[in-house]
Structure formats: C-alpha cells, structure tokens
Amino acid sequence: MTEIDTTAPAEQFFSSETREALAAASRKLAERLQAHTDALLAMTGTEDHATLFEHNAALEGVVEDWNDAVFEHTGTTPLLLDEPVEEDDEETEQDHVISVVSRFDLRVLDLDTLLEAGRAAQERHPAELDESGDRDPVDTAEQAIYEISREVGEAWFELPGTEMVAGARAYVVPEAPYEPLDVEAEDVVTELIAPNGVATHAETWS
C-alpha cells in the first residue's frame, strides 16, 4: 500500500461527509469493476479495439474517483496513480533539418558539343530504361544536362558548350510552419522553393 503523509489537521478528515462519499465511491468502483470484468470475459478477440479502450477508460475514471475519496477521508492515497505529463514543446527534440535550395541559369553556346557530352555521359552512366526498353534520346540541351549531372553531380560550371548566366544557392534551417519537400508531388517545380525558416548561408554566381 502506498501512503502519502499530509500535514493537514486530522479534523479535516474522517467526517460524515467524507465517509458517505467514500462509501458511494466504493460501491461505484465495485459495480464498475464487475461490469468491466464481465465485458472482458465476454470478449473473443474479434472485437474492435475501440470497445476495449472505452471499457478501460471507464474503469480508470472510477478508480481515480475512489482514490480521491479515500484521500479526502483519510489523508492517504492507496494507489499512486501516474499523473499525465504535458510535453514541453520547447524541450521536445526536433529533427535537425537543413534545406538547400539552388537555381542555375545556363546559356547554350554550342548545342552539338553539349549533346555529344550528354550522349557520352549516358553511355558511361546509363539510367533505368523506360517501359519500351529504350533509353531517352539525348536530342535536347535539357536532356544532355540531365545525363551529365547524373554522372558527375552538379556540373553547372563546366558543362560543355554552355556558360553560366547566374546561379544561387541558399541554406535554410526550417521553422514552423514547415512543409517538407514532397518528392511525389504532381508538379515538383512548385516544391523547389525555400521553406519557411532562417537562411544561414547563401552563395551567388554570375
């Protein structure tokens, strides 16, 4: 049995009112406990879990009331029940996320040279084949840059047949409200924006 000492005067306890309240709480607890037991014994395991949770919650409330009634009458608590703990949002550990957003504008000076480099990159580092079993033809500047970037990463400064018009990159620590990047969005272009947060570093080229 768990007892909690109290410094309150003894005359505050063991009154006729607290005695009646405790008797009523005890009767209610006995009835609820029997009903709870009958409900559990009747279960086969096929019931919705929500039903079980409802029975548990009902019993928990009656037990708390009975525990309080005992304290009001005797100044002690037979059951040391856990108090709900409120989470402090400021102390809750958050994922350390950094969003890197960039944009590079390129001018094509020699399309043939760029296409040749793109086709060579595709041969060395082939992507997955499409449904027809064929590779995407490298016949546009965009496809060529895509193939080169797949092989060597960000090649914006050394793409054959091009020059950089301008480039920028920002490093952002997101803050609420923060919408994570949705890689399955129908229009991924709309996702390529800096999230709400603090830009810690930035780079630009021209």
N, C-alpha and C. Protein backbone atom coordinates (compact mmCIF):
# COMPACT_ATOMS: atom_id res chain seq x y z
N MET A 1 0.85 -1.19 0.00
CA MET A 1 0.00 0.00 0.00
C MET A 1 0.89 1.24 0.00
N THR A 2 0.55 2.18 -0.84
CA THR A 2 1.29 3.43 -0.90
C THR A 2 0.54 4.50 -0.12
N GLU A 3 1.21 5.11 0.83
CA GLU A 3 0.57 6.15 1.64
C GLU A 3 1.35 7.45 1.49
N ILE A 4 0.62 8.54 1.46
CA ILE A 4 1.23 9.85 1.35
C ILE A 4 0.94 10.62 2.63
N ASP A 5 1.99 11.03 3.31
CA ASP A 5 1.80 11.79 4.55
C ASP A 5 1.24 13.17 4.25
N THR A 6 0.44 13.67 5.12
CA THR A 6 -0.11 15.01 4.95
C THR A 6 0.04 15.78 6.25
N THR A 7 0.25 17.04 6.13
CA THR A 7 0.41 17.89 7.32
C THR A 7 -0.90 18.54 7.72
N ALA A 8 -1.98 18.23 6.99
CA ALA A 8 -3.27 18.84 7.30
C ALA A 8 -3.77 18.34 8.65
N PRO A 9 -4.48 19.15 9.39
CA PRO A 9 -5.02 18.73 10.69
C PRO A 9 -5.95 17.55 10.54
N ALA A 10 -5.95 16.66 11.52
CA ALA A 10 -6.75 15.44 11.45
C ALA A 10 -8.23 15.74 11.37
N GLU A 11 -8.68 16.88 11.93
CA GLU A 11 -10.10 17.17 11.94
C GLU A 11 -10.67 17.42 10.54
N GLN A 12 -9.75 17.62 9.57
CA GLN A 12 -10.22 17.82 8.20
C GLN A 12 -10.68 16.50 7.58
N PHE A 13 -10.33 15.38 8.21
CA PHE A 13 -10.64 14.07 7.66
C PHE A 13 -11.63 13.34 8.57
N PHE A 14 -12.06 12.17 8.08
CA PHE A 14 -12.94 11.28 8.86
C PHE A 14 -14.24 11.97 9.29
N SER A 15 -14.75 12.80 8.38
CA SER A 15 -16.03 13.45 8.67
C SER A 15 -17.16 12.59 8.12
N SER A 16 -18.38 12.92 8.50
CA SER A 16 -19.53 12.17 8.00
C SER A 16 -19.68 12.33 6.48
N GLU A 17 -19.34 13.54 5.99
CA GLU A 17 -19.43 13.79 4.55
C GLU A 17 -18.42 12.94 3.77
N THR A 18 -17.16 12.91 4.25
CA THR A 18 -16.14 12.13 3.54
C THR A 18 -16.42 10.64 3.65
N ARG A 19 -17.04 10.22 4.79
CA ARG A 19 -17.37 8.80 4.98
C ARG A 19 -18.44 8.37 3.98
N GLU A 20 -19.45 9.22 3.79
CA GLU A 20 -20.51 8.91 2.83
C GLU A 20 -19.97 8.92 1.40
N ALA A 21 -19.09 9.87 1.11
CA ALA A 21 -18.53 9.96 -0.24
C ALA A 21 -17.68 8.73 -0.55
N LEU A 22 -16.92 8.28 0.44
CA LEU A 22 -16.08 7.10 0.23
C LEU A 22 -16.92 5.85 0.03
N ALA A 23 -17.99 5.72 0.81
CA ALA A 23 -18.87 4.56 0.66
C ALA A 23 -19.49 4.53 -0.74
N ALA A 24 -19.92 5.71 -1.20
CA ALA A 24 -20.53 5.78 -2.54
C ALA A 24 -19.49 5.46 -3.62
N ALA A 25 -18.30 5.98 -3.46
CA ALA A 25 -17.25 5.73 -4.44
C ALA A 25 -16.87 4.26 -4.46
N SER A 26 -16.87 3.61 -3.31
CA SER A 26 -16.53 2.19 -3.22
C SER A 26 -17.59 1.34 -3.90
N ARG A 27 -18.86 1.67 -3.69
CA ARG A 27 -19.94 0.92 -4.35
C ARG A 27 -19.83 1.07 -5.86
N LYS A 28 -19.58 2.30 -6.31
CA LYS A 28 -19.47 2.55 -7.74
C LYS A 28 -18.28 1.80 -8.33
N LEU A 29 -17.18 1.76 -7.58
CA LEU A 29 -15.99 1.04 -8.06
C LEU A 29 -16.27 -0.45 -8.18
N ALA A 30 -16.94 -1.02 -7.16
CA ALA A 30 -17.25 -2.45 -7.19
C ALA A 30 -18.14 -2.79 -8.37
N GLU A 31 -19.16 -1.95 -8.61
CA GLU A 31 -20.07 -2.19 -9.74
C GLU A 31 -19.34 -2.07 -11.07
N ARG A 32 -18.51 -1.05 -11.18
CA ARG A 32 -17.79 -0.83 -12.43
C ARG A 32 -16.78 -1.93 -12.69
N LEU A 33 -16.12 -2.38 -11.62
CA LEU A 33 -15.13 -3.44 -11.76
C LEU A 33 -15.78 -4.74 -12.20
N GLN A 34 -16.96 -5.06 -11.64
CA GLN A 34 -17.65 -6.28 -12.04
C GLN A 34 -18.11 -6.19 -13.49
N ALA A 35 -18.64 -5.02 -13.87
CA ALA A 35 -19.09 -4.83 -15.24
C ALA A 35 -17.91 -4.91 -16.21
N HIS A 36 -16.80 -4.35 -15.81
CA HIS A 36 -15.60 -4.39 -16.63
C HIS A 36 -15.12 -5.83 -16.81
N THR A 37 -15.11 -6.60 -15.71
CA THR A 37 -14.68 -7.99 -15.78
C THR A 37 -15.62 -8.81 -16.67
N ASP A 38 -16.92 -8.61 -16.52
CA ASP A 38 -17.89 -9.34 -17.35
C ASP A 38 -17.68 -9.04 -18.83
N ALA A 39 -17.40 -7.76 -19.14
CA ALA A 39 -17.19 -7.37 -20.53
C ALA A 39 -15.94 -8.02 -21.10
N LEU A 40 -14.88 -8.07 -20.30
CA LEU A 40 -13.63 -8.67 -20.76
C LEU A 40 -13.80 -10.18 -20.97
N LEU A 41 -14.51 -10.84 -20.06
CA LEU A 41 -14.70 -12.28 -20.17
C LEU A 41 -15.54 -12.64 -21.39
N ALA A 42 -16.40 -11.72 -21.80
CA ALA A 42 -17.26 -11.99 -22.95
C ALA A 42 -16.55 -11.76 -24.28
N MET A 43 -15.40 -11.14 -24.25
CA MET A 43 -14.67 -10.84 -25.49
C MET A 43 -14.01 -12.09 -26.05
N THR A 44 -13.95 -12.15 -27.37
CA THR A 44 -13.32 -13.29 -28.05
C THR A 44 -12.04 -12.91 -28.78
N GLY A 45 -11.74 -11.60 -28.81
CA GLY A 45 -10.56 -11.14 -29.54
C GLY A 45 -10.87 -10.61 -30.91
N THR A 46 -12.12 -10.72 -31.33
CA THR A 46 -12.52 -10.24 -32.66
C THR A 46 -13.14 -8.85 -32.61
N GLU A 47 -13.31 -8.33 -31.39
CA GLU A 47 -13.96 -7.02 -31.25
C GLU A 47 -13.03 -5.89 -31.68
N ASP A 48 -13.66 -4.77 -31.99
CA ASP A 48 -12.91 -3.56 -32.30
C ASP A 48 -12.16 -3.12 -31.05
N HIS A 49 -10.88 -2.76 -31.21
CA HIS A 49 -10.08 -2.33 -30.07
C HIS A 49 -10.68 -1.11 -29.37
N ALA A 50 -11.43 -0.31 -30.11
CA ALA A 50 -12.02 0.89 -29.52
C ALA A 50 -12.95 0.52 -28.36
N THR A 51 -13.64 -0.62 -28.48
CA THR A 51 -14.53 -1.06 -27.40
C THR A 51 -13.75 -1.35 -26.13
N LEU A 52 -12.63 -2.03 -26.27
CA LEU A 52 -11.79 -2.34 -25.12
C LEU A 52 -11.25 -1.07 -24.48
N PHE A 53 -10.83 -0.12 -25.31
CA PHE A 53 -10.30 1.14 -24.79
C PHE A 53 -11.37 1.90 -24.00
N GLU A 54 -12.62 1.84 -24.49
CA GLU A 54 -13.71 2.52 -23.79
C GLU A 54 -13.94 1.91 -22.41
N HIS A 55 -13.92 0.57 -22.32
CA HIS A 55 -14.09 -0.09 -21.03
C HIS A 55 -12.95 0.28 -20.08
N ASN A 56 -11.73 0.28 -20.59
CA ASN A 56 -10.57 0.60 -19.76
C ASN A 56 -10.65 2.04 -19.24
N ALA A 57 -11.04 2.95 -20.12
CA ALA A 57 -11.13 4.36 -19.73
C ALA A 57 -12.19 4.57 -18.66
N ALA A 58 -13.33 3.86 -18.80
CA ALA A 58 -14.41 3.99 -17.81
C ALA A 58 -13.95 3.50 -16.45
N LEU A 59 -13.23 2.38 -16.42
CA LEU A 59 -12.74 1.86 -15.14
C LEU A 59 -11.69 2.79 -14.55
N GLU A 60 -10.84 3.32 -15.38
CA GLU A 60 -9.78 4.21 -14.90
C GLU A 60 -10.37 5.43 -14.20
N GLY A 61 -11.42 6.00 -14.77
CA GLY A 61 -12.04 7.17 -14.16
C GLY A 61 -12.64 6.86 -12.79
N VAL A 62 -13.28 5.69 -12.66
CA VAL A 62 -13.89 5.31 -11.38
C VAL A 62 -12.81 5.06 -10.33
N VAL A 63 -11.70 4.44 -10.74
CA VAL A 63 -10.60 4.18 -9.81
C VAL A 63 -10.02 5.49 -9.30
N GLU A 64 -9.86 6.47 -10.18
CA GLU A 64 -9.34 7.77 -9.76
C GLU A 64 -10.28 8.44 -8.76
N ASP A 65 -11.60 8.34 -9.03
CA ASP A 65 -12.57 8.94 -8.10
C ASP A 65 -12.50 8.26 -6.73
N TRP A 66 -12.37 6.94 -6.72
CA TRP A 66 -12.29 6.22 -5.45
C TRP A 66 -11.01 6.58 -4.69
N ASN A 67 -9.91 6.69 -5.42
CA ASN A 67 -8.64 7.06 -4.80
C ASN A 67 -8.73 8.44 -4.16
N ASP A 68 -9.40 9.36 -4.87
CA ASP A 68 -9.58 10.72 -4.33
C ASP A 68 -10.47 10.69 -3.09
N ALA A 69 -11.49 9.84 -3.13
CA ALA A 69 -12.41 9.77 -1.98
C ALA A 69 -11.69 9.24 -0.74
N VAL A 70 -10.79 8.27 -0.94
CA VAL A 70 -10.02 7.75 0.19
C VAL A 70 -9.14 8.85 0.77
N PHE A 71 -8.52 9.66 -0.12
CA PHE A 71 -7.67 10.74 0.37
C PHE A 71 -8.49 11.77 1.13
N GLU A 72 -9.65 12.10 0.61
CA GLU A 72 -10.49 13.10 1.28
C GLU A 72 -10.91 12.61 2.68
N HIS A 73 -11.04 11.30 2.84
CA HIS A 73 -11.49 10.76 4.12
C HIS A 73 -10.33 10.51 5.09
N THR A 74 -9.19 10.05 4.56
CA THR A 74 -8.10 9.62 5.46
C THR A 74 -6.83 10.44 5.33
N GLY A 75 -6.70 11.21 4.24
CA GLY A 75 -5.46 11.94 4.04
C GLY A 75 -4.36 11.09 3.42
N THR A 76 -4.70 9.88 3.00
CA THR A 76 -3.73 8.99 2.35
C THR A 76 -4.33 8.51 1.04
N THR A 77 -3.45 8.07 0.14
CA THR A 77 -3.92 7.53 -1.14
C THR A 77 -3.43 6.09 -1.27
N PRO A 78 -4.34 5.12 -1.38
CA PRO A 78 -3.94 3.72 -1.52
C PRO A 78 -3.19 3.45 -2.82
N LEU A 79 -3.55 4.17 -3.87
CA LEU A 79 -2.95 3.93 -5.18
C LEU A 79 -2.17 5.16 -5.62
N LEU A 80 -0.94 4.96 -6.02
CA LEU A 80 -0.13 6.05 -6.54
C LEU A 80 -0.30 6.08 -8.05
N LEU A 81 -1.28 6.82 -8.52
CA LEU A 81 -1.62 6.86 -9.94
C LEU A 81 -0.71 7.85 -10.67
N ASP A 82 -0.36 7.48 -11.90
CA ASP A 82 0.50 8.35 -12.70
C ASP A 82 -0.28 9.57 -13.15
N GLU A 83 0.33 10.72 -12.98
CA GLU A 83 -0.26 11.96 -13.48
C GLU A 83 0.17 12.15 -14.92
N PRO A 84 -0.76 12.62 -15.79
CA PRO A 84 -0.37 12.86 -17.18
C PRO A 84 0.72 13.92 -17.26
N VAL A 85 1.71 13.65 -18.09
CA VAL A 85 2.84 14.57 -18.24
C VAL A 85 2.65 15.37 -19.52
N GLU A 86 2.62 16.68 -19.36
CA GLU A 86 2.49 17.55 -20.53
C GLU A 86 3.85 17.79 -21.13
N GLU A 87 3.94 17.54 -22.42
CA GLU A 87 5.21 17.71 -23.11
C GLU A 87 5.48 19.19 -23.33
N ASP A 88 6.70 19.57 -23.06
CA ASP A 88 7.14 20.94 -23.32
C ASP A 88 7.63 21.01 -24.75
N ASP A 89 6.89 21.77 -25.57
CA ASP A 89 7.25 21.84 -26.98
C ASP A 89 8.67 22.35 -27.18
N GLU A 90 9.11 23.24 -26.29
CA GLU A 90 10.44 23.81 -26.45
C GLU A 90 11.52 22.79 -26.15
N GLU A 91 11.20 21.81 -25.27
CA GLU A 91 12.20 20.84 -24.89
C GLU A 91 12.12 19.58 -25.73
N THR A 92 11.05 19.44 -26.52
CA THR A 92 10.92 18.26 -27.38
C THR A 92 11.98 18.30 -28.46
N GLU A 93 12.73 17.23 -28.55
CA GLU A 93 13.81 17.18 -29.53
C GLU A 93 13.24 17.16 -30.95
N GLN A 94 13.73 18.02 -31.78
CA GLN A 94 13.28 18.11 -33.15
C GLN A 94 14.34 17.56 -34.09
N ASP A 95 13.88 17.05 -35.24
CA ASP A 95 14.82 16.61 -36.25
C ASP A 95 15.64 17.79 -36.74
N HIS A 96 16.92 17.57 -36.93
CA HIS A 96 17.80 18.62 -37.43
C HIS A 96 17.74 18.59 -38.95
N VAL A 97 16.94 19.48 -39.51
CA VAL A 97 16.72 19.52 -40.96
C VAL A 97 17.33 20.80 -41.53
N ILE A 98 18.02 20.66 -42.64
CA ILE A 98 18.54 21.81 -43.38
C ILE A 98 18.09 21.68 -44.82
N SER A 99 17.47 22.70 -45.34
CA SER A 99 17.01 22.70 -46.73
C SER A 99 18.01 23.49 -47.58
N VAL A 100 18.48 22.86 -48.65
CA VAL A 100 19.40 23.51 -49.58
C VAL A 100 18.65 23.74 -50.88
N VAL A 101 18.48 24.99 -51.23
CA VAL A 101 17.71 25.36 -52.42
C VAL A 101 18.63 26.08 -53.38
N SER A 102 18.61 25.67 -54.65
CA SER A 102 19.52 26.30 -55.62
C SER A 102 18.84 26.48 -56.97
N ARG A 103 19.40 27.39 -57.73
CA ARG A 103 18.94 27.64 -59.10
C ARG A 103 20.13 28.10 -59.93
N PHE A 104 20.22 27.56 -61.16
CA PHE A 104 21.30 27.95 -62.07
C PHE A 104 20.71 28.20 -63.45
N ASP A 105 20.96 29.38 -63.99
CA ASP A 105 20.53 29.72 -65.34
C ASP A 105 21.73 29.58 -66.26
N LEU A 106 21.56 28.79 -67.33
CA LEU A 106 22.65 28.49 -68.25
C LEU A 106 22.31 28.97 -69.66
N ARG A 107 23.33 29.43 -70.36
CA ARG A 107 23.16 29.81 -71.76
C ARG A 107 23.88 28.79 -72.64
N VAL A 108 23.16 28.24 -73.61
CA VAL A 108 23.74 27.25 -74.51
C VAL A 108 24.47 27.97 -75.64
N LEU A 109 25.77 27.72 -75.75
CA LEU A 109 26.59 28.35 -76.79
C LEU A 109 26.86 27.39 -77.95
N ASP A 110 27.00 26.11 -77.66
CA ASP A 110 27.31 25.12 -78.69
C ASP A 110 26.49 23.87 -78.40
N LEU A 111 25.30 23.77 -79.03
CA LEU A 111 24.39 22.68 -78.75
C LEU A 111 24.99 21.33 -79.13
N ASP A 112 25.68 21.27 -80.27
CA ASP A 112 26.25 19.98 -80.70
C ASP A 112 27.25 19.45 -79.68
N THR A 113 28.09 20.33 -79.18
CA THR A 113 29.08 19.90 -78.17
C THR A 113 28.38 19.42 -76.91
N LEU A 114 27.34 20.11 -76.50
CA LEU A 114 26.60 19.72 -75.30
C LEU A 114 25.91 18.38 -75.50
N LEU A 115 25.30 18.18 -76.67
CA LEU A 115 24.62 16.91 -76.94
C LEU A 115 25.60 15.75 -76.97
N GLU A 116 26.75 15.96 -77.57
CA GLU A 116 27.76 14.91 -77.63
C GLU A 116 28.22 14.51 -76.22
N ALA A 117 28.42 15.51 -75.37
CA ALA A 117 28.83 15.22 -74.00
C ALA A 117 27.72 14.50 -73.24
N GLY A 118 26.48 14.88 -73.50
CA GLY A 118 25.36 14.23 -72.84
C GLY A 118 25.21 12.77 -73.25
N ARG A 119 25.39 12.49 -74.54
CA ARG A 119 25.29 11.11 -75.02
C ARG A 119 26.41 10.24 -74.46
N ALA A 120 27.59 10.82 -74.37
CA ALA A 120 28.72 10.07 -73.81
C ALA A 120 28.48 9.77 -72.33
N ALA A 121 27.93 10.73 -71.62
CA ALA A 121 27.64 10.51 -70.20
C ALA A 121 26.58 9.43 -70.04
N GLN A 122 25.59 9.42 -70.93
CA GLN A 122 24.55 8.41 -70.85
C GLN A 122 25.12 7.02 -71.10
N GLU A 123 26.07 6.90 -71.99
CA GLU A 123 26.70 5.61 -72.26
C GLU A 123 27.51 5.13 -71.05
N ARG A 124 28.19 6.04 -70.42
CA ARG A 124 29.01 5.65 -69.27
C ARG A 124 28.19 5.41 -68.01
N HIS A 125 27.06 6.11 -67.91
CA HIS A 125 26.26 6.03 -66.69
C HIS A 125 24.78 5.95 -67.09
N PRO A 126 24.38 4.81 -67.66
CA PRO A 126 23.01 4.70 -68.17
C PRO A 126 21.97 4.73 -67.06
N ALA A 127 20.87 5.41 -67.34
CA ALA A 127 19.75 5.44 -66.39
C ALA A 127 18.88 4.22 -66.64
N GLU A 128 17.86 4.04 -65.79
CA GLU A 128 16.95 2.93 -65.99
C GLU A 128 16.20 3.11 -67.31
N LEU A 129 15.96 1.99 -67.99
CA LEU A 129 15.27 2.05 -69.27
C LEU A 129 13.80 2.36 -69.05
N ASP A 130 13.18 2.99 -70.07
CA ASP A 130 11.75 3.27 -69.96
C ASP A 130 10.96 2.00 -70.24
N GLU A 131 9.63 2.10 -70.28
CA GLU A 131 8.77 0.92 -70.45
C GLU A 131 9.02 0.20 -71.77
N SER A 132 9.45 0.91 -72.78
CA SER A 132 9.71 0.29 -74.08
C SER A 132 11.05 -0.42 -74.12
N GLY A 133 11.88 -0.22 -73.09
CA GLY A 133 13.20 -0.84 -73.07
C GLY A 133 14.26 0.01 -73.73
N ASP A 134 13.89 1.24 -74.11
CA ASP A 134 14.84 2.13 -74.78
C ASP A 134 15.26 3.25 -73.84
N ARG A 135 16.42 3.80 -74.10
CA ARG A 135 16.86 4.97 -73.35
C ARG A 135 16.24 6.22 -73.95
N ASP A 136 16.07 7.24 -73.12
CA ASP A 136 15.59 8.51 -73.64
C ASP A 136 16.65 9.09 -74.56
N PRO A 137 16.26 9.51 -75.75
CA PRO A 137 17.25 10.07 -76.68
C PRO A 137 17.81 11.39 -76.18
N VAL A 138 19.09 11.58 -76.35
CA VAL A 138 19.72 12.84 -75.94
C VAL A 138 19.72 13.76 -77.15
N ASP A 139 18.61 14.46 -77.35
CA ASP A 139 18.50 15.34 -78.51
C ASP A 139 18.08 16.75 -78.12
N THR A 140 18.11 17.05 -76.81
CA THR A 140 17.83 18.41 -76.34
C THR A 140 18.90 18.81 -75.34
N ALA A 141 19.04 20.12 -75.15
CA ALA A 141 20.02 20.61 -74.18
C ALA A 141 19.64 20.15 -72.78
N GLU A 142 18.33 20.14 -72.48
CA GLU A 142 17.88 19.75 -71.15
C GLU A 142 18.24 18.29 -70.84
N GLN A 143 18.02 17.41 -71.85
CA GLN A 143 18.33 16.00 -71.64
C GLN A 143 19.83 15.79 -71.48
N ALA A 144 20.60 16.52 -72.25
CA ALA A 144 22.06 16.41 -72.16
C ALA A 144 22.56 16.84 -70.78
N ILE A 145 22.06 17.96 -70.29
CA ILE A 145 22.48 18.44 -68.96
C ILE A 145 22.04 17.45 -67.89
N TYR A 146 20.86 16.87 -68.06
CA TYR A 146 20.37 15.87 -67.10
C TYR A 146 21.31 14.66 -67.05
N GLU A 147 21.71 14.16 -68.21
CA GLU A 147 22.59 12.99 -68.25
C GLU A 147 23.96 13.30 -67.66
N ILE A 148 24.50 14.46 -67.97
CA ILE A 148 25.82 14.83 -67.43
C ILE A 148 25.74 14.98 -65.91
N SER A 149 24.68 15.59 -65.42
CA SER A 149 24.54 15.80 -63.98
C SER A 149 24.35 14.48 -63.25
N ARG A 150 23.68 13.54 -63.87
CA ARG A 150 23.51 12.22 -63.26
C ARG A 150 24.86 11.53 -63.05
N GLU A 151 25.78 11.80 -63.95
CA GLU A 151 27.08 11.13 -63.87
C GLU A 151 28.04 11.83 -62.91
N VAL A 152 28.11 13.15 -62.97
CA VAL A 152 29.15 13.86 -62.23
C VAL A 152 28.60 14.78 -61.15
N GLY A 153 27.30 14.83 -60.97
CA GLY A 153 26.75 15.73 -59.96
C GLY A 153 26.52 17.11 -60.54
N GLU A 154 26.69 18.13 -59.72
CA GLU A 154 26.44 19.50 -60.18
C GLU A 154 27.59 19.98 -61.05
N ALA A 155 27.34 19.96 -62.33
CA ALA A 155 28.39 20.33 -63.28
C ALA A 155 28.13 21.69 -63.91
N TRP A 156 27.44 22.56 -63.18
CA TRP A 156 26.98 23.82 -63.76
C TRP A 156 28.13 24.69 -64.26
N PHE A 157 29.28 24.58 -63.65
CA PHE A 157 30.39 25.47 -64.01
C PHE A 157 31.22 24.94 -65.17
N GLU A 158 31.05 23.68 -65.51
CA GLU A 158 31.91 23.07 -66.53
C GLU A 158 31.12 22.29 -67.56
N LEU A 159 29.89 22.66 -67.81
CA LEU A 159 29.10 21.97 -68.82
C LEU A 159 29.61 22.33 -70.22
N PRO A 160 29.99 21.34 -71.02
CA PRO A 160 30.49 21.64 -72.37
C PRO A 160 29.46 22.39 -73.20
N GLY A 161 29.91 23.41 -73.88
CA GLY A 161 29.04 24.14 -74.79
C GLY A 161 28.09 25.10 -74.12
N THR A 162 28.32 25.41 -72.84
CA THR A 162 27.43 26.34 -72.13
C THR A 162 28.25 27.33 -71.31
N GLU A 163 27.58 28.38 -70.87
CA GLU A 163 28.15 29.29 -69.88
C GLU A 163 27.08 29.61 -68.86
N MET A 164 27.49 29.89 -67.64
CA MET A 164 26.52 30.21 -66.60
C MET A 164 26.12 31.68 -66.69
N VAL A 165 24.84 31.92 -66.74
CA VAL A 165 24.32 33.28 -66.71
C VAL A 165 24.27 33.76 -65.26
N ALA A 166 23.72 32.94 -64.39
CA ALA A 166 23.64 33.27 -62.97
C ALA A 166 23.32 32.01 -62.19
N GLY A 167 23.73 32.03 -60.93
CA GLY A 167 23.44 30.89 -60.06
C GLY A 167 23.30 31.37 -58.63
N ALA A 168 22.53 30.64 -57.86
CA ALA A 168 22.34 31.00 -56.45
C ALA A 168 22.00 29.74 -55.66
N ARG A 169 22.47 29.73 -54.40
CA ARG A 169 22.18 28.61 -53.51
C ARG A 169 21.99 29.17 -52.11
N ALA A 170 20.97 28.68 -51.42
CA ALA A 170 20.69 29.12 -50.05
C ALA A 170 20.55 27.91 -49.14
N TYR A 171 21.06 28.06 -47.91
CA TYR A 171 20.96 27.02 -46.89
C TYR A 171 19.98 27.53 -45.82
N VAL A 172 18.88 26.82 -45.65
CA VAL A 172 17.80 27.30 -44.80
C VAL A 172 17.52 26.29 -43.68
N VAL A 173 17.44 26.78 -42.45
CA VAL A 173 17.00 25.96 -41.31
C VAL A 173 15.50 26.19 -41.17
N PRO A 174 14.68 25.18 -41.49
CA PRO A 174 13.23 25.37 -41.48
C PRO A 174 12.68 25.67 -40.09
N GLU A 175 11.60 26.46 -40.09
CA GLU A 175 10.87 26.76 -38.86
C GLU A 175 9.39 26.55 -39.12
N ALA A 176 8.66 26.29 -38.05
CA ALA A 176 7.21 26.10 -38.18
C ALA A 176 6.56 27.41 -38.63
N PRO A 177 5.53 27.30 -39.48
CA PRO A 177 5.02 26.09 -40.11
C PRO A 177 5.93 25.64 -41.25
N TYR A 178 6.35 24.39 -41.20
CA TYR A 178 7.32 23.87 -42.16
C TYR A 178 6.68 22.75 -42.97
N GLU A 179 6.68 22.88 -44.27
CA GLU A 179 6.15 21.87 -45.17
C GLU A 179 7.32 21.11 -45.80
N PRO A 180 7.50 19.83 -45.47
CA PRO A 180 8.61 19.06 -46.05
C PRO A 180 8.48 18.96 -47.56
N LEU A 181 9.59 18.75 -48.21
CA LEU A 181 9.61 18.58 -49.66
C LEU A 181 8.84 17.32 -50.03
N ASP A 182 7.88 17.45 -50.92
CA ASP A 182 7.07 16.32 -51.37
C ASP A 182 7.62 15.83 -52.70
N VAL A 183 8.40 14.75 -52.66
CA VAL A 183 9.05 14.25 -53.87
C VAL A 183 8.05 13.57 -54.80
N GLU A 184 6.82 13.33 -54.32
CA GLU A 184 5.80 12.70 -55.14
C GLU A 184 4.76 13.69 -55.63
N ALA A 185 5.05 14.98 -55.49
CA ALA A 185 4.10 16.00 -55.95
C ALA A 185 3.93 15.92 -57.46
N GLU A 186 2.71 16.20 -57.92
CA GLU A 186 2.45 16.15 -59.36
C GLU A 186 3.29 17.19 -60.10
N ASP A 187 3.45 18.36 -59.51
CA ASP A 187 4.26 19.42 -60.10
C ASP A 187 5.43 19.69 -59.18
N VAL A 188 6.54 19.00 -59.40
CA VAL A 188 7.68 19.12 -58.49
C VAL A 188 8.29 20.52 -58.53
N VAL A 189 8.05 21.27 -59.61
CA VAL A 189 8.61 22.62 -59.70
C VAL A 189 8.09 23.50 -58.57
N THR A 190 6.83 23.27 -58.19
CA THR A 190 6.26 24.08 -57.10
C THR A 190 6.91 23.77 -55.76
N GLU A 191 7.63 22.66 -55.66
CA GLU A 191 8.30 22.28 -54.42
C GLU A 191 9.69 22.91 -54.32
N LEU A 192 10.19 23.46 -55.41
CA LEU A 192 11.55 23.99 -55.43
C LEU A 192 11.61 25.43 -54.96
N ILE A 193 11.12 25.65 -53.77
CA ILE A 193 11.18 26.98 -53.16
C ILE A 193 11.72 26.82 -51.75
N ALA A 194 12.30 27.87 -51.23
CA ALA A 194 12.84 27.81 -49.87
C ALA A 194 11.70 27.70 -48.87
N PRO A 195 11.79 26.80 -47.90
CA PRO A 195 10.75 26.69 -46.89
C PRO A 195 10.81 27.85 -45.91
N ASN A 196 9.78 27.98 -45.11
CA ASN A 196 9.78 28.98 -44.05
C ASN A 196 10.91 28.65 -43.08
N GLY A 197 11.76 29.65 -42.79
CA GLY A 197 12.87 29.41 -41.89
C GLY A 197 13.92 30.50 -41.97
N VAL A 198 15.11 30.18 -41.47
CA VAL A 198 16.21 31.15 -41.43
C VAL A 198 17.29 30.72 -42.40
N ALA A 199 17.64 31.62 -43.32
CA ALA A 199 18.74 31.35 -44.26
C ALA A 199 20.06 31.62 -43.54
N THR A 200 20.84 30.57 -43.35
CA THR A 200 22.11 30.72 -42.64
C THR A 200 23.28 31.07 -43.54
N HIS A 201 23.24 30.60 -44.78
CA HIS A 201 24.30 30.89 -45.74
C HIS A 201 23.70 31.05 -47.13
N ALA A 202 24.38 31.78 -47.97
CA ALA A 202 23.93 31.95 -49.35
C ALA A 202 25.13 32.14 -50.25
N GLU A 203 25.02 31.63 -51.47
CA GLU A 203 26.06 31.77 -52.47
C GLU A 203 25.44 32.24 -53.78
N THR A 204 26.14 33.08 -54.51
CA THR A 204 25.65 33.51 -55.82
C THR A 204 26.80 33.51 -56.80
N TRP A 205 26.48 33.28 -58.06
CA TRP A 205 27.47 33.31 -59.15
C TRP A 205 26.88 34.05 -60.35
N SER A 206 27.74 34.70 -61.07
CA SER A 206 27.29 35.38 -62.28
C SER A 206 28.46 35.53 -63.25
